Amino acid sequence: MKKIILAGSTGSGKTTLCQKLHGQEIAYKKTQAIESFEHSIDTPGECIENRYLYKMLLVSSVDADVIGLVQDCTKEDSYFPPAFATMFAKPVIGIVTKIELADGQAAIERASEQLQAAGAERIFEVSTIEDVGVEALQAYLEA
């Protein structure tokens, strides 16, 4: 299985997604530091919210096979600048989270467009709560 590093704003669902991908019980906790799982790396939201911490993402991404940009579809704003993915020398995918809470399909499409503008090669729409789209993401990581 490919190892993925997840980057996204605070509360976007990175930790919950890591827990789901590893079959752990879903339990909220604020990620304070970079945490390694067997097949994923969870990063604090501050790594994307503060540009001076981008270097932290770059250094941590060395241990990953793929970069996962995580965008909460309930948030209108995105912290990912255009072409953000070009700073990584690895495949970059986008993951739209919390689709069960979306205010219509337009919110999911907006999040997907934000991830595409950031340079994500492929977009996955997931709900860790309703277990939607997680299987497709796992299949990608296992391929």
N, C-alpha and C. Protein backbone atom coordinates (compact mmCIF):
# COMPACT_ATOMS: atom_id res chain seq x y z
N MET A 1 0.85 -1.18 0.00
CA MET A 1 0.00 0.00 0.00
C MET A 1 0.89 1.24 0.00
N LYS A 2 0.52 2.22 -0.83
CA LYS A 2 1.25 3.47 -0.86
C LYS A 2 1.05 4.23 0.45
N LYS A 3 2.07 4.94 0.86
CA LYS A 3 1.96 5.79 2.05
C LYS A 3 1.57 7.18 1.60
N ILE A 4 0.55 7.75 2.24
CA ILE A 4 0.03 9.06 1.87
C ILE A 4 0.26 10.06 3.01
N ILE A 5 0.64 11.26 2.65
CA ILE A 5 0.70 12.35 3.61
C ILE A 5 -0.50 13.25 3.35
N LEU A 6 -1.22 13.59 4.39
CA LEU A 6 -2.43 14.40 4.26
C LEU A 6 -2.17 15.82 4.72
N ALA A 7 -2.49 16.78 3.86
CA ALA A 7 -2.33 18.20 4.17
C ALA A 7 -3.66 18.90 3.93
N GLY A 8 -4.04 19.73 4.86
CA GLY A 8 -5.29 20.48 4.74
C GLY A 8 -5.48 21.36 5.96
N SER A 9 -6.46 22.20 5.92
CA SER A 9 -6.68 23.14 7.01
C SER A 9 -7.15 22.43 8.28
N THR A 10 -7.08 23.14 9.37
CA THR A 10 -7.53 22.62 10.66
C THR A 10 -9.00 22.23 10.55
N GLY A 11 -9.33 21.04 11.02
CA GLY A 11 -10.72 20.58 11.00
C GLY A 11 -11.21 20.04 9.68
N SER A 12 -10.31 19.86 8.71
CA SER A 12 -10.75 19.39 7.39
C SER A 12 -11.01 17.88 7.33
N GLY A 13 -10.59 17.15 8.36
CA GLY A 13 -10.87 15.72 8.40
C GLY A 13 -9.67 14.82 8.15
N LYS A 14 -8.48 15.36 8.25
CA LYS A 14 -7.27 14.56 8.00
C LYS A 14 -7.09 13.43 9.01
N THR A 15 -7.21 13.75 10.28
CA THR A 15 -7.02 12.74 11.32
C THR A 15 -8.10 11.66 11.25
N THR A 16 -9.34 12.08 11.05
CA THR A 16 -10.44 11.12 10.92
C THR A 16 -10.21 10.20 9.73
N LEU A 17 -9.72 10.75 8.63
CA LEU A 17 -9.43 9.94 7.45
C LEU A 17 -8.31 8.95 7.74
N CYS A 18 -7.27 9.38 8.43
CA CYS A 18 -6.19 8.46 8.82
C CYS A 18 -6.74 7.33 9.68
N GLN A 19 -7.58 7.68 10.64
CA GLN A 19 -8.16 6.66 11.51
C GLN A 19 -9.00 5.67 10.69
N LYS A 20 -9.78 6.18 9.76
CA LYS A 20 -10.64 5.33 8.93
C LYS A 20 -9.79 4.41 8.04
N LEU A 21 -8.76 4.94 7.42
CA LEU A 21 -7.90 4.15 6.54
C LEU A 21 -7.18 3.03 7.29
N HIS A 22 -6.98 3.20 8.59
CA HIS A 22 -6.27 2.22 9.38
C HIS A 22 -7.19 1.39 10.27
N GLY A 23 -8.50 1.49 10.04
CA GLY A 23 -9.45 0.68 10.78
C GLY A 23 -9.53 1.00 12.26
N GLN A 24 -9.17 2.21 12.61
CA GLN A 24 -9.23 2.63 14.01
C GLN A 24 -10.58 3.22 14.35
N GLU A 25 -10.88 3.27 15.63
CA GLU A 25 -12.10 3.93 16.08
C GLU A 25 -11.98 5.43 15.81
N ILE A 26 -13.04 6.02 15.27
CA ILE A 26 -13.05 7.45 14.97
C ILE A 26 -13.19 8.23 16.27
N ALA A 27 -12.19 9.01 16.57
CA ALA A 27 -12.19 9.82 17.79
C ALA A 27 -11.52 11.14 17.48
N TYR A 28 -12.22 12.25 17.75
CA TYR A 28 -11.65 13.56 17.44
C TYR A 28 -10.48 13.87 18.37
N LYS A 29 -9.44 14.39 17.77
CA LYS A 29 -8.34 14.96 18.53
C LYS A 29 -7.62 15.97 17.65
N LYS A 30 -7.18 17.03 18.23
CA LYS A 30 -6.44 18.05 17.50
C LYS A 30 -5.01 17.57 17.31
N THR A 31 -4.58 17.49 16.06
CA THR A 31 -3.22 17.07 15.76
C THR A 31 -2.27 18.23 16.04
N GLN A 32 -1.35 18.01 16.96
CA GLN A 32 -0.41 19.06 17.37
C GLN A 32 0.94 18.96 16.66
N ALA A 33 1.27 17.78 16.19
CA ALA A 33 2.54 17.54 15.52
C ALA A 33 2.32 16.50 14.43
N ILE A 34 3.27 16.38 13.54
CA ILE A 34 3.16 15.37 12.48
C ILE A 34 3.15 13.99 13.13
N GLU A 35 2.17 13.18 12.72
CA GLU A 35 2.02 11.83 13.26
C GLU A 35 2.06 10.82 12.13
N SER A 36 2.86 9.79 12.32
CA SER A 36 2.97 8.73 11.32
C SER A 36 2.10 7.55 11.71
N PHE A 37 1.35 7.08 10.74
CA PHE A 37 0.60 5.84 10.84
C PHE A 37 1.32 4.84 9.94
N GLU A 38 0.85 3.61 9.90
CA GLU A 38 1.51 2.60 9.07
C GLU A 38 1.52 3.01 7.59
N HIS A 39 0.38 3.52 7.09
CA HIS A 39 0.28 3.86 5.67
C HIS A 39 -0.08 5.32 5.43
N SER A 40 0.03 6.16 6.44
CA SER A 40 -0.28 7.57 6.23
C SER A 40 0.49 8.45 7.21
N ILE A 41 0.56 9.72 6.85
CA ILE A 41 1.18 10.73 7.69
C ILE A 41 0.15 11.83 7.87
N ASP A 42 -0.17 12.14 9.11
CA ASP A 42 -1.15 13.16 9.47
C ASP A 42 -0.40 14.43 9.85
N THR A 43 -0.82 15.55 9.28
CA THR A 43 -0.14 16.81 9.56
C THR A 43 -1.10 17.79 10.23
N PRO A 44 -0.58 18.67 11.08
CA PRO A 44 -1.43 19.70 11.67
C PRO A 44 -1.91 20.67 10.58
N GLY A 45 -3.12 21.20 10.75
CA GLY A 45 -3.65 22.17 9.79
C GLY A 45 -2.78 23.40 9.64
N GLU A 46 -2.06 23.73 10.68
CA GLU A 46 -1.19 24.90 10.64
C GLU A 46 -0.12 24.81 9.56
N CYS A 47 0.21 23.58 9.14
CA CYS A 47 1.22 23.40 8.08
C CYS A 47 0.78 24.00 6.75
N ILE A 48 -0.52 24.07 6.53
CA ILE A 48 -1.02 24.67 5.29
C ILE A 48 -1.54 26.09 5.53
N GLU A 49 -1.94 26.37 6.74
CA GLU A 49 -2.50 27.69 7.06
C GLU A 49 -1.43 28.76 7.23
N ASN A 50 -0.19 28.35 7.46
CA ASN A 50 0.92 29.28 7.63
C ASN A 50 2.00 28.95 6.61
N ARG A 51 2.21 29.84 5.67
CA ARG A 51 3.13 29.56 4.57
C ARG A 51 4.54 29.21 5.03
N TYR A 52 4.96 29.77 6.15
CA TYR A 52 6.32 29.49 6.61
C TYR A 52 6.48 28.05 7.09
N LEU A 53 5.37 27.31 7.21
CA LEU A 53 5.44 25.90 7.60
C LEU A 53 5.37 24.96 6.38
N TYR A 54 5.32 25.51 5.17
CA TYR A 54 5.33 24.66 3.97
C TYR A 54 6.56 23.75 3.97
N LYS A 55 7.68 24.26 4.47
CA LYS A 55 8.91 23.47 4.50
C LYS A 55 8.72 22.20 5.34
N MET A 56 7.92 22.33 6.39
CA MET A 56 7.63 21.17 7.23
C MET A 56 6.91 20.09 6.42
N LEU A 57 5.99 20.50 5.57
CA LEU A 57 5.30 19.55 4.70
C LEU A 57 6.26 18.91 3.71
N LEU A 58 7.12 19.72 3.12
CA LEU A 58 8.07 19.19 2.14
C LEU A 58 8.99 18.15 2.76
N VAL A 59 9.54 18.45 3.93
CA VAL A 59 10.44 17.52 4.59
C VAL A 59 9.70 16.24 4.97
N SER A 60 8.50 16.37 5.49
CA SER A 60 7.72 15.20 5.92
C SER A 60 7.25 14.37 4.73
N SER A 61 7.08 14.99 3.58
CA SER A 61 6.59 14.26 2.41
C SER A 61 7.61 13.29 1.83
N VAL A 62 8.85 13.41 2.26
CA VAL A 62 9.90 12.50 1.78
C VAL A 62 9.54 11.05 2.10
N ASP A 63 8.88 10.83 3.22
CA ASP A 63 8.52 9.47 3.65
C ASP A 63 7.23 8.96 3.01
N ALA A 64 6.60 9.76 2.17
CA ALA A 64 5.32 9.38 1.56
C ALA A 64 5.50 9.04 0.08
N ASP A 65 4.56 8.25 -0.43
CA ASP A 65 4.55 7.92 -1.86
C ASP A 65 3.63 8.85 -2.64
N VAL A 66 2.64 9.39 -1.95
CA VAL A 66 1.64 10.24 -2.60
C VAL A 66 1.24 11.35 -1.62
N ILE A 67 0.92 12.51 -2.18
CA ILE A 67 0.49 13.66 -1.39
C ILE A 67 -1.03 13.76 -1.51
N GLY A 68 -1.71 13.91 -0.39
CA GLY A 68 -3.16 14.07 -0.39
C GLY A 68 -3.55 15.45 0.13
N LEU A 69 -4.10 16.27 -0.75
CA LEU A 69 -4.59 17.59 -0.34
C LEU A 69 -6.04 17.43 0.07
N VAL A 70 -6.37 17.81 1.30
CA VAL A 70 -7.69 17.57 1.88
C VAL A 70 -8.45 18.89 1.95
N GLN A 71 -9.65 18.92 1.34
CA GLN A 71 -10.50 20.11 1.33
C GLN A 71 -11.88 19.76 1.88
N ASP A 72 -12.25 20.42 2.95
CA ASP A 72 -13.57 20.27 3.56
C ASP A 72 -14.59 21.02 2.68
N CYS A 73 -15.57 20.29 2.15
CA CYS A 73 -16.53 20.91 1.23
C CYS A 73 -17.53 21.84 1.93
N THR A 74 -17.53 21.86 3.25
CA THR A 74 -18.41 22.78 3.97
C THR A 74 -17.77 24.16 4.14
N LYS A 75 -16.51 24.29 3.77
CA LYS A 75 -15.79 25.56 3.86
C LYS A 75 -15.68 26.17 2.47
N GLU A 76 -15.99 27.43 2.36
CA GLU A 76 -15.90 28.10 1.06
C GLU A 76 -14.47 28.44 0.68
N ASP A 77 -13.65 28.74 1.68
CA ASP A 77 -12.27 29.15 1.40
C ASP A 77 -11.35 27.94 1.33
N SER A 78 -10.27 28.12 0.59
CA SER A 78 -9.25 27.10 0.49
C SER A 78 -7.90 27.75 0.80
N TYR A 79 -7.06 27.03 1.53
CA TYR A 79 -5.72 27.52 1.83
C TYR A 79 -4.70 27.11 0.78
N PHE A 80 -5.13 26.31 -0.20
CA PHE A 80 -4.20 25.86 -1.22
C PHE A 80 -4.10 26.89 -2.34
N PRO A 81 -2.91 27.47 -2.54
CA PRO A 81 -2.75 28.41 -3.65
C PRO A 81 -2.73 27.67 -4.99
N PRO A 82 -2.98 28.38 -6.08
CA PRO A 82 -2.91 27.74 -7.40
C PRO A 82 -1.53 27.09 -7.61
N ALA A 83 -1.54 25.92 -8.19
CA ALA A 83 -0.32 25.16 -8.52
C ALA A 83 0.49 24.76 -7.29
N PHE A 84 -0.13 24.70 -6.14
CA PHE A 84 0.55 24.31 -4.90
C PHE A 84 1.25 22.96 -5.04
N ALA A 85 0.64 22.05 -5.78
CA ALA A 85 1.16 20.69 -5.93
C ALA A 85 2.52 20.64 -6.61
N THR A 86 2.88 21.68 -7.35
CA THR A 86 4.15 21.66 -8.09
C THR A 86 5.36 21.65 -7.17
N MET A 87 5.18 21.95 -5.88
CA MET A 87 6.33 21.94 -4.97
C MET A 87 6.72 20.51 -4.56
N PHE A 88 5.88 19.54 -4.90
CA PHE A 88 6.16 18.14 -4.57
C PHE A 88 6.60 17.39 -5.81
N ALA A 89 7.56 16.51 -5.64
CA ALA A 89 8.04 15.68 -6.75
C ALA A 89 7.41 14.30 -6.71
N LYS A 90 6.14 14.27 -6.31
CA LYS A 90 5.40 13.02 -6.17
C LYS A 90 3.98 13.24 -6.67
N PRO A 91 3.24 12.17 -6.91
CA PRO A 91 1.84 12.33 -7.32
C PRO A 91 1.05 13.05 -6.22
N VAL A 92 0.16 13.93 -6.66
CA VAL A 92 -0.68 14.68 -5.72
C VAL A 92 -2.15 14.43 -6.08
N ILE A 93 -2.91 13.99 -5.07
CA ILE A 93 -4.35 13.78 -5.26
C ILE A 93 -5.11 14.75 -4.37
N GLY A 94 -6.36 14.94 -4.69
CA GLY A 94 -7.24 15.78 -3.88
C GLY A 94 -8.30 14.92 -3.21
N ILE A 95 -8.64 15.28 -1.99
CA ILE A 95 -9.66 14.54 -1.25
C ILE A 95 -10.67 15.54 -0.70
N VAL A 96 -11.89 15.49 -1.22
CA VAL A 96 -12.98 16.33 -0.72
C VAL A 96 -13.62 15.58 0.43
N THR A 97 -13.63 16.18 1.60
CA THR A 97 -14.17 15.52 2.79
C THR A 97 -15.50 16.12 3.21
N LYS A 98 -16.16 15.39 4.09
CA LYS A 98 -17.43 15.79 4.71
C LYS A 98 -18.54 15.98 3.69
N ILE A 99 -18.57 15.13 2.67
CA ILE A 99 -19.57 15.29 1.62
C ILE A 99 -20.99 15.07 2.14
N GLU A 100 -21.12 14.35 3.27
CA GLU A 100 -22.45 14.14 3.86
C GLU A 100 -23.02 15.45 4.44
N LEU A 101 -22.16 16.43 4.66
CA LEU A 101 -22.58 17.72 5.22
C LEU A 101 -22.68 18.82 4.17
N ALA A 102 -22.41 18.48 2.92
CA ALA A 102 -22.38 19.48 1.85
C ALA A 102 -23.74 20.14 1.67
N ASP A 103 -23.68 21.41 1.39
CA ASP A 103 -24.88 22.19 1.09
C ASP A 103 -25.14 22.07 -0.42
N GLY A 104 -25.45 20.85 -0.85
CA GLY A 104 -25.72 20.59 -2.26
C GLY A 104 -24.47 20.18 -3.03
N GLN A 105 -24.69 19.70 -4.23
CA GLN A 105 -23.60 19.23 -5.09
C GLN A 105 -22.65 20.37 -5.47
N ALA A 106 -23.14 21.59 -5.51
CA ALA A 106 -22.30 22.74 -5.87
C ALA A 106 -21.15 22.91 -4.88
N ALA A 107 -21.37 22.63 -3.61
CA ALA A 107 -20.31 22.76 -2.61
C ALA A 107 -19.21 21.73 -2.85
N ILE A 108 -19.60 20.53 -3.23
CA ILE A 108 -18.62 19.48 -3.52
C ILE A 108 -17.83 19.84 -4.78
N GLU A 109 -18.53 20.35 -5.78
CA GLU A 109 -17.87 20.75 -7.02
C GLU A 109 -16.90 21.91 -6.78
N ARG A 110 -17.28 22.87 -5.93
CA ARG A 110 -16.39 24.00 -5.60
C ARG A 110 -15.11 23.48 -4.96
N ALA A 111 -15.24 22.55 -4.00
CA ALA A 111 -14.07 21.98 -3.34
C ALA A 111 -13.19 21.24 -4.35
N SER A 112 -13.80 20.50 -5.25
CA SER A 112 -13.05 19.77 -6.29
C SER A 112 -12.29 20.75 -7.18
N GLU A 113 -12.94 21.83 -7.57
CA GLU A 113 -12.29 22.84 -8.41
C GLU A 113 -11.12 23.49 -7.69
N GLN A 114 -11.26 23.73 -6.39
CA GLN A 114 -10.16 24.31 -5.61
C GLN A 114 -8.96 23.36 -5.59
N LEU A 115 -9.23 22.07 -5.44
CA LEU A 115 -8.16 21.08 -5.44
C LEU A 115 -7.51 20.94 -6.82
N GLN A 116 -8.32 21.00 -7.86
CA GLN A 116 -7.78 20.94 -9.22
C GLN A 116 -6.89 22.15 -9.49
N ALA A 117 -7.30 23.33 -9.05
CA ALA A 117 -6.50 24.53 -9.22
C ALA A 117 -5.18 24.43 -8.47
N ALA A 118 -5.19 23.72 -7.35
CA ALA A 118 -3.97 23.51 -6.57
C ALA A 118 -3.03 22.51 -7.24
N GLY A 119 -3.56 21.77 -8.22
CA GLY A 119 -2.73 20.82 -8.97
C GLY A 119 -2.98 19.36 -8.70
N ALA A 120 -4.07 19.04 -7.99
CA ALA A 120 -4.38 17.63 -7.73
C ALA A 120 -4.69 16.91 -9.04
N GLU A 121 -4.07 15.74 -9.23
CA GLU A 121 -4.23 14.97 -10.46
C GLU A 121 -5.55 14.22 -10.51
N ARG A 122 -6.01 13.80 -9.36
CA ARG A 122 -7.24 13.01 -9.26
C ARG A 122 -7.95 13.41 -7.97
N ILE A 123 -9.28 13.44 -8.02
CA ILE A 123 -10.07 13.89 -6.87
C ILE A 123 -10.91 12.72 -6.34
N PHE A 124 -10.91 12.57 -5.02
CA PHE A 124 -11.75 11.59 -4.34
C PHE A 124 -12.72 12.35 -3.45
N GLU A 125 -13.99 11.98 -3.49
CA GLU A 125 -15.01 12.58 -2.64
C GLU A 125 -15.34 11.55 -1.56
N VAL A 126 -15.13 11.92 -0.29
CA VAL A 126 -15.31 10.95 0.79
C VAL A 126 -16.16 11.48 1.93
N SER A 127 -16.80 10.54 2.59
CA SER A 127 -17.45 10.77 3.87
C SER A 127 -16.97 9.66 4.79
N THR A 128 -16.14 10.00 5.75
CA THR A 128 -15.65 8.99 6.68
C THR A 128 -16.76 8.54 7.63
N ILE A 129 -17.73 9.39 7.86
CA ILE A 129 -18.83 9.07 8.77
C ILE A 129 -19.78 8.07 8.12
N GLU A 130 -20.13 8.31 6.84
CA GLU A 130 -21.06 7.42 6.13
C GLU A 130 -20.33 6.37 5.30
N ASP A 131 -18.99 6.35 5.38
CA ASP A 131 -18.18 5.38 4.66
C ASP A 131 -18.41 5.42 3.15
N VAL A 132 -18.41 6.62 2.61
CA VAL A 132 -18.59 6.83 1.17
C VAL A 132 -17.26 7.28 0.57
N GLY A 133 -16.85 6.64 -0.49
CA GLY A 133 -15.64 7.04 -1.20
C GLY A 133 -14.33 6.57 -0.58
N VAL A 134 -14.37 6.07 0.63
CA VAL A 134 -13.15 5.62 1.30
C VAL A 134 -12.59 4.39 0.61
N GLU A 135 -13.46 3.50 0.16
CA GLU A 135 -13.03 2.29 -0.52
C GLU A 135 -12.28 2.62 -1.81
N ALA A 136 -12.76 3.61 -2.56
CA ALA A 136 -12.09 4.02 -3.80
C ALA A 136 -10.71 4.59 -3.50
N LEU A 137 -10.60 5.37 -2.43
CA LEU A 137 -9.31 5.92 -2.03
C LEU A 137 -8.37 4.80 -1.61
N GLN A 138 -8.86 3.85 -0.84
CA GLN A 138 -8.03 2.71 -0.43
C GLN A 138 -7.55 1.90 -1.64
N ALA A 139 -8.45 1.70 -2.60
CA ALA A 139 -8.07 0.96 -3.81
C ALA A 139 -6.95 1.68 -4.56
N TYR A 140 -7.05 3.01 -4.64
CA TYR A 140 -5.99 3.80 -5.29
C TYR A 140 -4.67 3.60 -4.56
N LEU A 141 -4.71 3.64 -3.25
CA LEU A 141 -3.49 3.52 -2.45
C LEU A 141 -2.90 2.11 -2.52
N GLU A 142 -3.74 1.12 -2.75
CA GLU A 142 -3.28 -0.26 -2.84
C GLU A 142 -2.77 -0.63 -4.23
N ALA A 143 -3.11 0.16 -5.23
CA ALA A 143 -2.71 -0.14 -6.62
C ALA A 143 -1.23 0.12 -6.85
